[in-house]
């Protein structure tokens, strides 16, 4: 694998990792009592990957886990964003907003180009159909 390909792959993996971090932090900010099993189901990832990602967020100091008794008298966890986590979430949100806006603008331009091409094709078809009559 070339160095450029390797860098691009690493950049893509980093972006995916950042996206997963942001998804997890947004989810826990909305509902701190969400279980790892619910997160895994919600994002379509394995429970092991969910646990790995959560541990990484806790290791970075962005999330802390607090035990509590659930209504079924079982021990469960509440995942809370720390001050550093709130700051990281804000930074990632701005980053992804910029990224999505660029993607939106690119897609919008591509759609407009396809519209122009389709109108041109229709005009040519119409013109060639009239000339064959």
C-alpha atoms as a PDB file:
ATOM      1  CA  UNK A   1       0.000   0.000   0.000  1.00  0.00           C
ATOM      2  CA  UNK A   2       1.377   3.408  -0.935  1.00  0.00           C
ATOM      3  CA  UNK A   3       2.109   6.030   1.695  1.00  0.00           C
ATOM      4  CA  UNK A   4      -0.601   8.316   0.273  1.00  0.00           C
ATOM      5  CA  UNK A   5      -3.160   5.483   0.343  1.00  0.00           C
ATOM      6  CA  UNK A   6      -2.147   4.592   3.879  1.00  0.00           C
ATOM      7  CA  UNK A   7      -2.525   8.223   4.989  1.00  0.00           C
ATOM      8  CA  UNK A   8      -5.929   8.463   3.297  1.00  0.00           C
ATOM      9  CA  UNK A   9      -7.043   5.222   4.957  1.00  0.00           C
ATOM     10  CA  UNK A  10      -5.821   6.422   8.342  1.00  0.00           C
ATOM     11  CA  UNK A  11      -7.587   9.753   7.822  1.00  0.00           C
ATOM     12  CA  UNK A  12     -10.813   7.957   6.917  1.00  0.00           C
ATOM     13  CA  UNK A  13     -10.520   5.697   9.976  1.00  0.00           C
ATOM     14  CA  UNK A  14      -9.835   8.718  12.168  1.00  0.00           C
ATOM     15  CA  UNK A  15     -12.894  10.472  10.739  1.00  0.00           C
ATOM     16  CA  UNK A  16     -15.014   7.388  11.437  1.00  0.00           C
ATOM     17  CA  UNK A  17     -13.619   7.209  14.962  1.00  0.00           C
ATOM     18  CA  UNK A  18     -14.426  10.900  15.483  1.00  0.00           C
ATOM     19  CA  UNK A  19     -17.910  10.341  14.104  1.00  0.00           C
ATOM     20  CA  UNK A  20     -18.494   7.440  16.521  1.00  0.00           C
ATOM     21  CA  UNK A  21     -17.168   9.527  19.421  1.00  0.00           C
ATOM     22  CA  UNK A  22     -19.556  12.328  18.528  1.00  0.00           C
ATOM     23  CA  UNK A  23     -22.513   9.952  18.152  1.00  0.00           C
ATOM     24  CA  UNK A  24     -21.808   8.412  21.551  1.00  0.00           C
ATOM     25  CA  UNK A  25     -21.364  11.757  23.264  1.00  0.00           C
ATOM     26  CA  UNK A  26     -24.551  13.141  21.699  1.00  0.00           C
ATOM     27  CA  UNK A  27     -26.461  10.058  22.750  1.00  0.00           C
ATOM     28  CA  UNK A  28     -25.227  10.201  26.351  1.00  0.00           C
ATOM     29  CA  UNK A  29     -25.806  13.947  26.547  1.00  0.00           C
ATOM     30  CA  UNK A  30     -29.432  13.304  25.542  1.00  0.00           C
ATOM     31  CA  UNK A  31     -29.896  10.282  27.836  1.00  0.00           C
ATOM     32  CA  UNK A  32     -27.117   9.473  30.327  1.00  0.00           C
ATOM     33  CA  UNK A  33     -28.852   6.246  31.401  1.00  0.00           C
ATOM     34  CA  UNK A  34     -28.697   4.669  27.957  1.00  0.00           C
ATOM     35  CA  UNK A  35     -27.210   1.192  28.293  1.00  0.00           C
ATOM     36  CA  UNK A  36     -24.335  -0.106  26.212  1.00  0.00           C
ATOM     37  CA  UNK A  37     -26.702  -2.675  24.718  1.00  0.00           C
ATOM     38  CA  UNK A  38     -29.101   0.098  23.622  1.00  0.00           C
ATOM     39  CA  UNK A  39     -26.203   2.055  22.105  1.00  0.00           C
ATOM     40  CA  UNK A  40     -24.984  -1.014  20.212  1.00  0.00           C
ATOM     41  CA  UNK A  41     -28.467  -1.598  18.820  1.00  0.00           C
ATOM     42  CA  UNK A  42     -29.012   2.085  17.982  1.00  0.00           C
ATOM     43  CA  UNK A  43     -25.771   2.439  16.007  1.00  0.00           C
ATOM     44  CA  UNK A  44     -25.662  -1.070  14.583  1.00  0.00           C
ATOM     45  CA  UNK A  45     -22.350  -1.984  16.189  1.00  0.00           C
ATOM     46  CA  UNK A  46     -21.325  -4.861  18.410  1.00  0.00           C
ATOM     47  CA  UNK A  47     -21.566  -4.658  22.167  1.00  0.00           C
ATOM     48  CA  UNK A  48     -17.786  -5.205  22.298  1.00  0.00           C
ATOM     49  CA  UNK A  49     -17.141  -2.215  20.030  1.00  0.00           C
ATOM     50  CA  UNK A  50     -19.530  -0.126  22.126  1.00  0.00           C
ATOM     51  CA  UNK A  51     -17.643  -1.079  25.280  1.00  0.00           C
ATOM     52  CA  UNK A  52     -14.287  -0.370  23.592  1.00  0.00           C
ATOM     53  CA  UNK A  53     -15.448   3.086  22.435  1.00  0.00           C
ATOM     54  CA  UNK A  54     -16.861   3.939  25.860  1.00  0.00           C
ATOM     55  CA  UNK A  55     -13.655   2.929  27.574  1.00  0.00           C
ATOM     56  CA  UNK A  56     -11.699   5.110  25.139  1.00  0.00           C
ATOM     57  CA  UNK A  57     -13.969   8.073  25.929  1.00  0.00           C
ATOM     58  CA  UNK A  58     -13.542   7.465  29.662  1.00  0.00           C
ATOM     59  CA  UNK A  59      -9.776   7.079  29.267  1.00  0.00           C
ATOM     60  CA  UNK A  60      -9.620  10.422  27.445  1.00  0.00           C
ATOM     61  CA  UNK A  61     -11.566  12.006  30.292  1.00  0.00           C
ATOM     62  CA  UNK A  62     -14.569  12.942  28.138  1.00  0.00           C
ATOM     63  CA  UNK A  63     -17.112  10.704  29.860  1.00  0.00           C
ATOM     64  CA  UNK A  64     -17.411   9.374  33.374  1.00  0.00           C
ATOM     65  CA  UNK A  65     -19.566   6.460  34.456  1.00  0.00           C
ATOM     66  CA  UNK A  66     -21.637   6.480  37.641  1.00  0.00           C
ATOM     67  CA  UNK A  67     -23.400   3.430  39.037  1.00  0.00           C
ATOM     68  CA  UNK A  68     -27.056   3.519  40.040  1.00  0.00           C
ATOM     69  CA  UNK A  69     -29.806   1.040  40.842  1.00  0.00           C
ATOM     70  CA  UNK A  70     -32.237   0.547  38.009  1.00  0.00           C
ATOM     71  CA  UNK A  71     -35.960   0.020  38.442  1.00  0.00           C
ATOM     72  CA  UNK A  72     -35.357  -3.743  38.121  1.00  0.00           C
ATOM     73  CA  UNK A  73     -33.031  -3.500  41.138  1.00  0.00           C
ATOM     74  CA  UNK A  74     -30.030  -4.136  38.937  1.00  0.00           C
ATOM     75  CA  UNK A  75     -26.865  -2.118  38.920  1.00  0.00           C
ATOM     76  CA  UNK A  76     -26.670   0.090  35.849  1.00  0.00           C
ATOM     77  CA  UNK A  77     -24.530   3.015  34.736  1.00  0.00           C
ATOM     78  CA  UNK A  78     -25.145   6.632  33.958  1.00  0.00           C
ATOM     79  CA  UNK A  79     -22.671   8.069  31.460  1.00  0.00           C
ATOM     80  CA  UNK A  80     -22.002  11.756  31.994  1.00  0.00           C
ATOM     81  CA  UNK A  81     -20.004  14.130  29.837  1.00  0.00           C
ATOM     82  CA  UNK A  82     -17.219  15.848  31.725  1.00  0.00           C
ATOM     83  CA  UNK A  83     -16.240  19.473  31.143  1.00  0.00           C
ATOM     84  CA  UNK A  84     -13.516  18.210  28.775  1.00  0.00           C
ATOM     85  CA  UNK A  85     -16.118  16.000  27.099  1.00  0.00           C
ATOM     86  CA  UNK A  86     -18.484  18.921  26.561  1.00  0.00           C
ATOM     87  CA  UNK A  87     -15.622  20.896  25.023  1.00  0.00           C
ATOM     88  CA  UNK A  88     -14.620  17.941  22.802  1.00  0.00           C
ATOM     89  CA  UNK A  89     -18.242  17.420  21.760  1.00  0.00           C
ATOM     90  CA  UNK A  90     -18.514  21.083  20.760  1.00  0.00           C
ATOM     91  CA  UNK A  91     -15.274  20.875  18.750  1.00  0.00           C
ATOM     92  CA  UNK A  92     -16.354  17.667  17.000  1.00  0.00           C
ATOM     93  CA  UNK A  93     -19.797  19.134  16.300  1.00  0.00           C
ATOM     94  CA  UNK A  94     -18.278  22.176  14.586  1.00  0.00           C
ATOM     95  CA  UNK A  95     -15.900  19.917  12.639  1.00  0.00           C
ATOM     96  CA  UNK A  96     -18.715  17.667  11.401  1.00  0.00           C
ATOM     97  CA  UNK A  97     -20.998  20.586  10.652  1.00  0.00           C
ATOM     98  CA  UNK A  98     -18.313  22.048   8.378  1.00  0.00           C
ATOM     99  CA  UNK A  99     -17.731  18.649   6.784  1.00  0.00           C
ATOM    100  CA  UNK A 100     -21.451  18.057   6.173  1.00  0.00           C
ATOM    101  CA  UNK A 101     -21.882  21.568   4.755  1.00  0.00           C
ATOM    102  CA  UNK A 102     -19.070  20.910   2.251  1.00  0.00           C
ATOM    103  CA  UNK A 103     -20.674  17.586   1.341  1.00  0.00           C
ATOM    104  CA  UNK A 104     -24.038  19.322   0.956  1.00  0.00           C
ATOM    105  CA  UNK A 105     -22.608  22.003  -1.332  1.00  0.00           C
ATOM    106  CA  UNK A 106     -20.825  19.378  -3.451  1.00  0.00           C
ATOM    107  CA  UNK A 107     -23.996  17.315  -3.706  1.00  0.00           C
ATOM    108  CA  UNK A 108     -26.088  20.382  -4.539  1.00  0.00           C
ATOM    109  CA  UNK A 109     -23.699  21.302  -7.380  1.00  0.00           C
ATOM    110  CA  UNK A 110     -23.747  17.724  -8.661  1.00  0.00           C
ATOM    111  CA  UNK A 111     -27.558  17.654  -8.628  1.00  0.00           C
ATOM    112  CA  UNK A 112     -27.683  20.937 -10.548  1.00  0.00           C
ATOM    113  CA  UNK A 113     -25.211  19.562 -13.122  1.00  0.00           C
ATOM    114  CA  UNK A 114     -27.338  16.414 -13.535  1.00  0.00           C
ATOM    115  CA  UNK A 115     -30.454  18.570 -14.033  1.00  0.00           C
ATOM    116  CA  UNK A 116     -28.721  20.564 -16.761  1.00  0.00           C
ATOM    117  CA  UNK A 117     -27.519  17.378 -18.448  1.00  0.00           C
ATOM    118  CA  UNK A 118     -30.968  15.770 -18.300  1.00  0.00           C
ATOM    119  CA  UNK A 119     -32.629  18.902 -19.772  1.00  0.00           C
ATOM    120  CA  UNK A 120     -30.031  18.920 -22.546  1.00  0.00           C
ATOM    121  CA  UNK A 121     -30.665  15.224 -23.283  1.00  0.00           C
ATOM    122  CA  UNK A 122     -34.417  15.773 -23.370  1.00  0.00           C
ATOM    123  CA  UNK A 123     -33.998  18.713 -25.781  1.00  0.00           C
ATOM    124  CA  UNK A 124     -31.784  16.614 -28.061  1.00  0.00           C
ATOM    125  CA  UNK A 125     -34.224  13.698 -27.965  1.00  0.00           C
ATOM    126  CA  UNK A 126     -37.128  16.001 -28.677  1.00  0.00           C
ATOM    127  CA  UNK A 127     -35.248  17.687 -31.533  1.00  0.00           C
ATOM    128  CA  UNK A 128     -34.153  14.385 -33.073  1.00  0.00           C
ATOM    129  CA  UNK A 129     -37.702  13.000 -32.774  1.00  0.00           C
ATOM    130  CA  UNK A 130     -39.119  16.032 -34.581  1.00  0.00           C
ATOM    131  CA  UNK A 131     -36.530  15.812 -37.356  1.00  0.00           C
ATOM    132  CA  UNK A 132     -37.424  12.172 -38.027  1.00  0.00           C
ATOM    133  CA  UNK A 133     -41.107  12.971 -38.671  1.00  0.00           C
END
